[in-house]
Amino acid sequence: MIVAIEPESGDVFLGKTLGLADKAAFEKYPDQWVYFVRLDNPEAAIPLPTW
């Protein structure tokens, strides 16, 4: 499971894949950077723009 976090609002979006989490975040924040974290490995956080 992947969590996408929009840091300014604190909104979170869940997805079974990076693509699904990104799609959910993109619908609300199409031009923002979000952080993605794998729930089974929280040290693997990566910042990416929604696309």
Protein backbone atom coordinates (compact mmCIF):
# COMPACT_ATOMS: atom_id res chain seq x y z
CA MET A 1 0.00 0.00 0.00
CA ILE A 2 1.25 3.48 -0.92
CA VAL A 3 0.35 6.72 0.87
CA ALA A 4 0.57 10.05 -0.95
CA ILE A 5 0.83 13.05 1.40
CA GLU A 6 0.31 16.65 0.35
CA PRO A 7 2.48 18.39 2.98
CA GLU A 8 0.88 21.84 3.09
CA SER A 9 -2.65 20.58 3.75
CA GLY A 10 -1.78 17.26 5.38
CA ASP A 11 -4.20 15.48 3.06
CA VAL A 12 -3.40 11.81 2.46
CA PHE A 13 -4.36 9.52 -0.41
CA LEU A 14 -4.09 5.73 -0.43
CA GLY A 15 -3.44 3.41 -3.34
CA LYS A 16 -2.39 -0.18 -3.87
CA THR A 17 0.24 1.13 -6.30
CA LEU A 18 2.20 4.35 -6.76
CA GLY A 19 0.09 5.10 -9.83
CA LEU A 20 -3.19 4.77 -7.95
CA ALA A 21 -2.02 6.90 -5.02
CA ASP A 22 -0.75 9.51 -7.48
CA LYS A 23 -4.04 9.50 -9.39
CA ALA A 24 -5.97 10.18 -6.20
CA ALA A 25 -3.62 13.03 -5.19
CA PHE A 26 -3.61 14.48 -8.72
CA GLU A 27 -7.41 14.80 -8.74
CA LYS A 28 -7.25 17.26 -5.84
CA TYR A 29 -3.73 18.71 -6.25
CA PRO A 30 -2.74 18.59 -9.95
CA ASP A 31 0.15 21.06 -9.60
CA GLN A 32 1.56 20.21 -6.17
CA TRP A 33 4.46 18.14 -4.92
CA VAL A 34 3.42 15.21 -2.80
CA TYR A 35 5.39 12.66 -0.78
CA PHE A 36 4.89 8.96 -1.36
CA VAL A 37 5.53 6.40 1.34
CA ARG A 38 5.23 2.63 1.23
CA LEU A 39 3.44 1.48 4.37
CA ASP A 40 5.65 -1.60 4.63
CA ASN A 41 8.80 0.58 4.42
CA PRO A 42 8.27 4.14 5.75
CA GLU A 43 11.97 4.94 5.23
CA ALA A 44 11.38 4.78 1.48
CA ALA A 45 9.64 8.17 1.22
CA ILE A 46 10.10 10.04 -2.06
CA PRO A 47 8.89 13.52 -3.09
CA LEU A 48 7.43 13.80 -6.59
CA PRO A 49 5.14 16.21 -8.40
CA THR A 50 1.75 14.81 -9.26
CA TRP A 51 1.59 14.10 -12.98
